[in-house]
């Protein structure tokens, strides 16, 4: 699958794939801004619900490593600000 995103919201992992239309990316940005302002209970837009999938063959330790590295970058950025 191409154009895949992994989103973390409220401890939940949401995999989106096949993002190919401008409307997908616009909806993703708008939703992320809404979540930032209103919290994790904001529903994913319908256009993105259609893109949800469960990956096959992705090792959890690889995903956890990526998430840990992302967290470290965010912490380092906050400390340097």
PDB file of N, CA and C in Angstrom:
ATOM      1  N   UNK A   1       0.849  -1.176   0.000  1.00  0.00           N
ATOM      2  CA  UNK A   1       0.000   0.000   0.000  1.00  0.00           C
ATOM      3  C   UNK A   1       0.894   1.238   0.000  1.00  0.00           C
ATOM      4  N   UNK A   2       0.452   2.259  -0.692  1.00  0.00           N
ATOM      5  CA  UNK A   2       1.208   3.500  -0.815  1.00  0.00           C
ATOM      6  C   UNK A   2       0.570   4.608   0.022  1.00  0.00           C
ATOM      7  N   UNK A   3       1.372   5.642   0.273  1.00  0.00           N
ATOM      8  CA  UNK A   3       0.912   6.830   0.997  1.00  0.00           C
ATOM      9  C   UNK A   3       0.215   6.461   2.302  1.00  0.00           C
ATOM     10  N   UNK A   4       1.004   5.901   3.195  1.00  0.00           N
ATOM     11  CA  UNK A   4       0.505   5.407   4.475  1.00  0.00           C
ATOM     12  C   UNK A   4       0.873   6.375   5.590  1.00  0.00           C
ATOM     13  N   UNK A   5      -0.050   6.576   6.506  1.00  0.00           N
ATOM     14  CA  UNK A   5       0.197   7.385   7.698  1.00  0.00           C
ATOM     15  C   UNK A   5      -0.213   6.588   8.927  1.00  0.00           C
ATOM     16  N   UNK A   6       0.568   6.738   9.981  1.00  0.00           N
ATOM     17  CA  UNK A   6       0.223   6.168  11.282  1.00  0.00           C
ATOM     18  C   UNK A   6      -0.073   7.332  12.201  1.00  0.00           C
ATOM     19  N   UNK A   7      -1.263   7.352  12.739  1.00  0.00           N
ATOM     20  CA  UNK A   7      -1.701   8.441  13.606  1.00  0.00           C
ATOM     21  C   UNK A   7      -1.924   7.884  15.003  1.00  0.00           C
ATOM     22  N   UNK A   8      -1.470   8.616  16.001  1.00  0.00           N
ATOM     23  CA  UNK A   8      -1.688   8.239  17.391  1.00  0.00           C
ATOM     24  C   UNK A   8      -2.627   9.253  18.028  1.00  0.00           C
ATOM     25  N   UNK A   9      -3.737   8.743  18.539  1.00  0.00           N
ATOM     26  CA  UNK A   9      -4.710   9.612  19.192  1.00  0.00           C
ATOM     27  C   UNK A   9      -5.212   8.912  20.438  1.00  0.00           C
ATOM     28  N   UNK A  10      -5.008   9.536  21.568  1.00  0.00           N
ATOM     29  CA  UNK A  10      -5.485   8.955  22.818  1.00  0.00           C
ATOM     30  C   UNK A  10      -4.958   7.548  23.049  1.00  0.00           C
ATOM     31  N   UNK A  11      -3.727   7.281  22.652  1.00  0.00           N
ATOM     32  CA  UNK A  11      -3.132   5.973  22.831  1.00  0.00           C
ATOM     33  C   UNK A  11      -3.534   4.946  21.778  1.00  0.00           C
ATOM     34  N   UNK A  12      -4.396   5.334  20.861  1.00  0.00           N
ATOM     35  CA  UNK A  12      -4.850   4.442  19.799  1.00  0.00           C
ATOM     36  C   UNK A  12      -4.031   4.681  18.535  1.00  0.00           C
ATOM     37  N   UNK A  13      -3.667   3.593  17.854  1.00  0.00           N
ATOM     38  CA  UNK A  13      -2.966   3.683  16.578  1.00  0.00           C
ATOM     39  C   UNK A  13      -3.991   3.562  15.460  1.00  0.00           C
ATOM     40  N   UNK A  14      -3.969   4.521  14.551  1.00  0.00           N
ATOM     41  CA  UNK A  14      -4.853   4.488  13.385  1.00  0.00           C
ATOM     42  C   UNK A  14      -3.977   4.507  12.140  1.00  0.00           C
ATOM     43  N   UNK A  15      -4.083   3.473  11.336  1.00  0.00           N
ATOM     44  CA  UNK A  15      -3.347   3.381  10.083  1.00  0.00           C
ATOM     45  C   UNK A  15      -4.248   3.846   8.951  1.00  0.00           C
ATOM     46  N   UNK A  16      -3.742   4.784   8.170  1.00  0.00           N
ATOM     47  CA  UNK A  16      -4.452   5.257   6.979  1.00  0.00           C
ATOM     48  C   UNK A  16      -3.586   4.957   5.770  1.00  0.00           C
ATOM     49  N   UNK A  17      -4.185   4.453   4.730  1.00  0.00           N
ATOM     50  CA  UNK A  17      -3.423   4.133   3.528  1.00  0.00           C
ATOM     51  C   UNK A  17      -4.151   4.564   2.276  1.00  0.00           C
ATOM     52  N   UNK A  18      -3.405   4.611   1.190  1.00  0.00           N
ATOM     53  CA  UNK A  18      -3.994   5.000  -0.083  1.00  0.00           C
ATOM     54  C   UNK A  18      -4.392   6.458  -0.126  1.00  0.00           C
ATOM     55  N   UNK A  19      -3.698   7.279   0.644  1.00  0.00           N
ATOM     56  CA  UNK A  19      -3.987   8.714   0.636  1.00  0.00           C
ATOM     57  C   UNK A  19      -3.454   9.295  -0.668  1.00  0.00           C
ATOM     58  N   UNK A  20      -4.350   9.673  -1.555  1.00  0.00           N
ATOM     59  CA  UNK A  20      -3.915  10.098  -2.881  1.00  0.00           C
ATOM     60  C   UNK A  20      -4.592  11.361  -3.378  1.00  0.00           C
ATOM     61  N   UNK A  21      -5.643  11.754  -2.717  1.00  0.00           N
ATOM     62  CA  UNK A  21      -6.392  12.933  -3.160  1.00  0.00           C
ATOM     63  C   UNK A  21      -6.068  14.120  -2.265  1.00  0.00           C
ATOM     64  N   UNK A  22      -6.126  15.285  -2.833  1.00  0.00           N
ATOM     65  CA  UNK A  22      -5.908  16.499  -2.046  1.00  0.00           C
ATOM     66  C   UNK A  22      -6.900  16.566  -0.892  1.00  0.00           C
ATOM     67  N   UNK A  23      -8.112  16.093  -1.129  1.00  0.00           N
ATOM     68  CA  UNK A  23      -9.142  16.101  -0.084  1.00  0.00           C
ATOM     69  C   UNK A  23      -8.726  15.244   1.111  1.00  0.00           C
ATOM     70  N   UNK A  24      -7.983  14.149   0.885  1.00  0.00           N
ATOM     71  CA  UNK A  24      -7.488  13.321   1.989  1.00  0.00           C
ATOM     72  C   UNK A  24      -6.577  14.143   2.888  1.00  0.00           C
ATOM     73  N   UNK A  25      -5.625  14.837   2.265  1.00  0.00           N
ATOM     74  CA  UNK A  25      -4.639  15.587   3.038  1.00  0.00           C
ATOM     75  C   UNK A  25      -5.261  16.799   3.724  1.00  0.00           C
ATOM     76  N   UNK A  26      -6.194  17.451   3.054  1.00  0.00           N
ATOM     77  CA  UNK A  26      -6.906  18.579   3.674  1.00  0.00           C
ATOM     78  C   UNK A  26      -7.700  18.103   4.885  1.00  0.00           C
ATOM     79  N   UNK A  27      -8.385  16.977   4.748  1.00  0.00           N
ATOM     80  CA  UNK A  27      -9.173  16.430   5.859  1.00  0.00           C
ATOM     81  C   UNK A  27      -8.266  16.032   7.014  1.00  0.00           C
ATOM     82  N   UNK A  28      -7.104  15.478   6.704  1.00  0.00           N
ATOM     83  CA  UNK A  28      -6.163  15.070   7.742  1.00  0.00           C
ATOM     84  C   UNK A  28      -5.660  16.272   8.532  1.00  0.00           C
ATOM     85  N   UNK A  29      -5.302  17.335   7.841  1.00  0.00           N
ATOM     86  CA  UNK A  29      -4.816  18.554   8.513  1.00  0.00           C
ATOM     87  C   UNK A  29      -5.925  19.187   9.343  1.00  0.00           C
ATOM     88  N   UNK A  30      -7.115  19.307   8.774  1.00  0.00           N
ATOM     89  CA  UNK A  30      -8.242  19.903   9.506  1.00  0.00           C
ATOM     90  C   UNK A  30      -8.580  19.084  10.749  1.00  0.00           C
ATOM     91  N   UNK A  31      -8.576  17.764  10.610  1.00  0.00           N
ATOM     92  CA  UNK A  31      -8.872  16.891  11.738  1.00  0.00           C
ATOM     93  C   UNK A  31      -7.809  17.034  12.820  1.00  0.00           C
ATOM     94  N   UNK A  32      -6.531  17.076  12.422  1.00  0.00           N
ATOM     95  CA  UNK A  32      -5.442  17.218  13.393  1.00  0.00           C
ATOM     96  C   UNK A  32      -5.561  18.533  14.155  1.00  0.00           C
ATOM     97  N   UNK A  33      -5.920  19.604  13.470  1.00  0.00           N
ATOM     98  CA  UNK A  33      -6.102  20.894  14.148  1.00  0.00           C
ATOM     99  C   UNK A  33      -7.279  20.823  15.112  1.00  0.00           C
ATOM    100  N   UNK A  34      -8.346  20.152  14.707  1.00  0.00           N
ATOM    101  CA  UNK A  34      -9.522  19.989  15.563  1.00  0.00           C
ATOM    102  C   UNK A  34      -9.176  19.175  16.808  1.00  0.00           C
ATOM    103  N   UNK A  35      -8.411  18.091  16.644  1.00  0.00           N
ATOM    104  CA  UNK A  35      -7.978  17.274  17.779  1.00  0.00           C
ATOM    105  C   UNK A  35      -7.099  18.104  18.713  1.00  0.00           C
ATOM    106  N   UNK A  36      -6.226  18.911  18.148  1.00  0.00           N
ATOM    107  CA  UNK A  36      -5.341  19.758  18.946  1.00  0.00           C
ATOM    108  C   UNK A  36      -6.144  20.718  19.826  1.00  0.00           C
ATOM    109  N   UNK A  37      -7.231  21.225  19.296  1.00  0.00           N
ATOM    110  CA  UNK A  37      -8.043  22.200  20.030  1.00  0.00           C
ATOM    111  C   UNK A  37      -9.093  21.551  20.931  1.00  0.00           C
ATOM    112  N   UNK A  38      -9.612  20.385  20.521  1.00  0.00           N
ATOM    113  CA  UNK A  38     -10.769  19.816  21.221  1.00  0.00           C
ATOM    114  C   UNK A  38     -10.540  18.440  21.837  1.00  0.00           C
ATOM    115  N   UNK A  39      -9.369  17.876  21.654  1.00  0.00           N
ATOM    116  CA  UNK A  39      -9.056  16.605  22.287  1.00  0.00           C
ATOM    117  C   UNK A  39      -9.281  15.398  21.395  1.00  0.00           C
ATOM    118  N   UNK A  40      -8.869  14.252  21.930  1.00  0.00           N
ATOM    119  CA  UNK A  40      -8.838  13.000  21.175  1.00  0.00           C
ATOM    120  C   UNK A  40     -10.216  12.438  20.835  1.00  0.00           C
ATOM    121  N   UNK A  41     -11.266  12.995  21.403  1.00  0.00           N
ATOM    122  CA  UNK A  41     -12.605  12.460  21.136  1.00  0.00           C
ATOM    123  C   UNK A  41     -13.161  12.905  19.781  1.00  0.00           C
ATOM    124  N   UNK A  42     -12.448  13.784  19.079  1.00  0.00           N
ATOM    125  CA  UNK A  42     -12.901  14.252  17.772  1.00  0.00           C
ATOM    126  C   UNK A  42     -12.896  13.078  16.793  1.00  0.00           C
ATOM    127  N   UNK A  43     -13.988  12.911  16.104  1.00  0.00           N
ATOM    128  CA  UNK A  43     -14.133  11.800  15.153  1.00  0.00           C
ATOM    129  C   UNK A  43     -13.325  12.057  13.884  1.00  0.00           C
ATOM    130  N   UNK A  44     -12.778  10.989  13.348  1.00  0.00           N
ATOM    131  CA  UNK A  44     -12.072  11.040  12.081  1.00  0.00           C
ATOM    132  C   UNK A  44     -13.080  11.324  10.972  1.00  0.00           C
ATOM    133  N   UNK A  45     -12.768  12.217  10.032  1.00  0.00           N
ATOM    134  CA  UNK A  45     -13.711  12.503   8.938  1.00  0.00           C
ATOM    135  C   UNK A  45     -14.020  11.253   8.111  1.00  0.00           C
ATOM    136  N   UNK A  46     -15.209  11.206   7.577  1.00  0.00           N
ATOM    137  CA  UNK A  46     -15.664  10.057   6.794  1.00  0.00           C
ATOM    138  C   UNK A  46     -14.706   9.726   5.652  1.00  0.00           C
ATOM    139  N   UNK A  47     -14.187  10.746   4.984  1.00  0.00           N
ATOM    140  CA  UNK A  47     -13.279  10.504   3.859  1.00  0.00           C
ATOM    141  C   UNK A  47     -12.027   9.746   4.308  1.00  0.00           C
ATOM    142  N   UNK A  48     -11.622   9.940   5.572  1.00  0.00           N
ATOM    143  CA  UNK A  48     -10.458   9.226   6.093  1.00  0.00           C
ATOM    144  C   UNK A  48     -10.839   7.873   6.677  1.00  0.00           C
ATOM    145  N   UNK A  49     -12.063   7.731   7.172  1.00  0.00           N
ATOM    146  CA  UNK A  49     -12.516   6.423   7.676  1.00  0.00           C
ATOM    147  C   UNK A  49     -12.401   5.355   6.606  1.00  0.00           C
ATOM    148  N   UNK A  50     -12.621   5.749   5.378  1.00  0.00           N
ATOM    149  CA  UNK A  50     -12.546   4.807   4.266  1.00  0.00           C
ATOM    150  C   UNK A  50     -11.119   4.349   3.997  1.00  0.00           C
ATOM    151  N   UNK A  51     -10.130   5.062   4.557  1.00  0.00           N
ATOM    152  CA  UNK A  51      -8.724   4.757   4.301  1.00  0.00           C
ATOM    153  C   UNK A  51      -8.088   3.940   5.433  1.00  0.00           C
ATOM    154  N   UNK A  52      -8.852   3.651   6.492  1.00  0.00           N
ATOM    155  CA  UNK A  52      -8.305   2.900   7.625  1.00  0.00           C
ATOM    156  C   UNK A  52      -8.037   1.459   7.204  1.00  0.00           C
ATOM    157  N   UNK A  53      -6.889   0.939   7.641  1.00  0.00           N
ATOM    158  CA  UNK A  53      -6.563  -0.454   7.383  1.00  0.00           C
ATOM    159  C   UNK A  53      -5.711  -0.986   8.528  1.00  0.00           C
ATOM    160  N   UNK A  54      -5.617  -2.285   8.624  1.00  0.00           N
ATOM    161  CA  UNK A  54      -4.749  -2.957   9.588  1.00  0.00           C
ATOM    162  C   UNK A  54      -3.570  -3.535   8.809  1.00  0.00           C
ATOM    163  N   UNK A  55      -2.371  -3.076   9.106  1.00  0.00           N
ATOM    164  CA  UNK A  55      -1.214  -3.553   8.337  1.00  0.00           C
ATOM    165  C   UNK A  55      -0.896  -5.015   8.649  1.00  0.00           C
ATOM    166  N   UNK A  56      -0.384  -5.689   7.655  1.00  0.00           N
ATOM    167  CA  UNK A  56       0.052  -7.069   7.827  1.00  0.00           C
ATOM    168  C   UNK A  56       1.568  -7.088   7.753  1.00  0.00           C
ATOM    169  N   UNK A  57       2.179  -7.815   8.648  1.00  0.00           N
ATOM    170  CA  UNK A  57       3.624  -7.987   8.602  1.00  0.00           C
ATOM    171  C   UNK A  57       4.422  -6.844   9.188  1.00  0.00           C
ATOM    172  N   UNK A  58       3.765  -5.886   9.833  1.00  0.00           N
ATOM    173  CA  UNK A  58       4.493  -4.799  10.490  1.00  0.00           C
ATOM    174  C   UNK A  58       4.765  -5.243  11.917  1.00  0.00           C
ATOM    175  N   UNK A  59       6.016  -5.313  12.258  1.00  0.00           N
ATOM    176  CA  UNK A  59       6.388  -5.762  13.596  1.00  0.00           C
ATOM    177  C   UNK A  59       6.149  -4.641  14.594  1.00  0.00           C
ATOM    178  N   UNK A  60       5.497  -4.986  15.699  1.00  0.00           N
ATOM    179  CA  UNK A  60       5.178  -3.996  16.729  1.00  0.00           C
ATOM    180  C   UNK A  60       6.419  -3.303  17.258  1.00  0.00           C
ATOM    181  N   UNK A  61       7.544  -4.029  17.364  1.00  0.00           N
ATOM    182  CA  UNK A  61       8.747  -3.410  17.904  1.00  0.00           C
ATOM    183  C   UNK A  61       9.271  -2.319  16.984  1.00  0.00           C
ATOM    184  N   UNK A  62       9.076  -2.459  15.677  1.00  0.00           N
ATOM    185  CA  UNK A  62       9.495  -1.410  14.744  1.00  0.00           C
ATOM    186  C   UNK A  62       8.644  -0.170  14.942  1.00  0.00           C
ATOM    187  N   UNK A  63       7.338  -0.357  15.069  1.00  0.00           N
ATOM    188  CA  UNK A  63       6.436   0.775  15.291  1.00  0.00           C
ATOM    189  C   UNK A  63       6.756   1.436  16.626  1.00  0.00           C
ATOM    190  N   UNK A  64       6.948   0.643  17.666  1.00  0.00           N
ATOM    191  CA  UNK A  64       7.257   1.205  18.980  1.00  0.00           C
ATOM    192  C   UNK A  64       8.570   1.982  18.950  1.00  0.00           C
ATOM    193  N   UNK A  65       9.566   1.496  18.212  1.00  0.00           N
ATOM    194  CA  UNK A  65      10.834   2.185  18.084  1.00  0.00           C
ATOM    195  C   UNK A  65      10.647   3.534  17.384  1.00  0.00           C
ATOM    196  N   UNK A  66       9.856   3.544  16.323  1.00  0.00           N
ATOM    197  CA  UNK A  66       9.573   4.799  15.628  1.00  0.00           C
ATOM    198  C   UNK A  66       8.877   5.790  16.552  1.00  0.00           C
ATOM    199  N   UNK A  67       7.913   5.301  17.312  1.00  0.00           N
ATOM    200  CA  UNK A  67       7.178   6.172  18.226  1.00  0.00           C
ATOM    201  C   UNK A  67       8.084   6.692  19.331  1.00  0.00           C
ATOM    202  N   UNK A  68       8.965   5.862  19.843  1.00  0.00           N
ATOM    203  CA  UNK A  68       9.899   6.297  20.880  1.00  0.00           C
ATOM    204  C   UNK A  68      10.825   7.367  20.344  1.00  0.00           C
ATOM    205  N   UNK A  69      11.315   7.188  19.123  1.00  0.00           N
ATOM    206  CA  UNK A  69      12.186   8.196  18.514  1.00  0.00           C
ATOM    207  C   UNK A  69      11.442   9.502  18.303  1.00  0.00           C
ATOM    208  N   UNK A  70      10.186   9.430  17.887  1.00  0.00           N
ATOM    209  CA  UNK A  70       9.381  10.637  17.690  1.00  0.00           C
ATOM    210  C   UNK A  70       9.186  11.361  19.012  1.00  0.00           C
ATOM    211  N   UNK A  71       8.928  10.606  20.090  1.00  0.00           N
ATOM    212  CA  UNK A  71       8.755  11.198  21.411  1.00  0.00           C
ATOM    213  C   UNK A  71      10.036  11.879  21.864  1.00  0.00           C
ATOM    214  N   UNK A  72      11.179  11.231  21.622  1.00  0.00           N
ATOM    215  CA  UNK A  72      12.463  11.820  21.993  1.00  0.00           C
ATOM    216  C   UNK A  72      12.712  13.127  21.260  1.00  0.00           C
ATOM    217  N   UNK A  73      12.339  13.199  19.988  1.00  0.00           N
ATOM    218  CA  UNK A  73      12.510  14.426  19.209  1.00  0.00           C
ATOM    219  C   UNK A  73      11.627  15.526  19.791  1.00  0.00           C
ATOM    220  N   UNK A  74      10.392  15.185  20.151  1.00  0.00           N
ATOM    221  CA  UNK A  74       9.482  16.180  20.716  1.00  0.00           C
ATOM    222  C   UNK A  74      10.009  16.685  22.055  1.00  0.00           C
ATOM    223  N   UNK A  75      10.546  15.796  22.873  1.00  0.00           N
ATOM    224  CA  UNK A  75      11.087  16.196  24.176  1.00  0.00           C
ATOM    225  C   UNK A  75      12.312  17.084  23.991  1.00  0.00           C
ATOM    226  N   UNK A  76      13.193  16.710  23.075  1.00  0.00           N
ATOM    227  CA  UNK A  76      14.390  17.516  22.820  1.00  0.00           C
ATOM    228  C   UNK A  76      13.997  18.890  22.303  1.00  0.00           C
ATOM    229  N   UNK A  77      12.996  18.957  21.452  1.00  0.00           N
ATOM    230  CA  UNK A  77      12.532  20.225  20.918  1.00  0.00           C
ATOM    231  C   UNK A  77      11.964  21.090  22.038  1.00  0.00           C
ATOM    232  N   UNK A  78      11.182  20.499  22.926  1.00  0.00           N
ATOM    233  CA  UNK A  78      10.589  21.257  24.042  1.00  0.00           C
ATOM    234  C   UNK A  78      11.667  21.770  24.972  1.00  0.00           C
ATOM    235  N   UNK A  79      12.707  20.986  25.194  1.00  0.00           N
ATOM    236  CA  UNK A  79      13.787  21.393  26.100  1.00  0.00           C
ATOM    237  C   UNK A  79      14.576  22.550  25.481  1.00  0.00           C
ATOM    238  N   UNK A  80      14.804  22.499  24.162  1.00  0.00           N
ATOM    239  CA  UNK A  80      15.607  23.539  23.529  1.00  0.00           C
ATOM    240  C   UNK A  80      14.856  24.843  23.328  1.00  0.00           C
ATOM    241  N   UNK A  81      13.518  24.795  23.414  1.00  0.00           N
ATOM    242  CA  UNK A  81      12.713  26.023  23.233  1.00  0.00           C
ATOM    243  C   UNK A  81      12.807  26.896  24.397  1.00  0.00           C
TER     244      UNK A  81
END
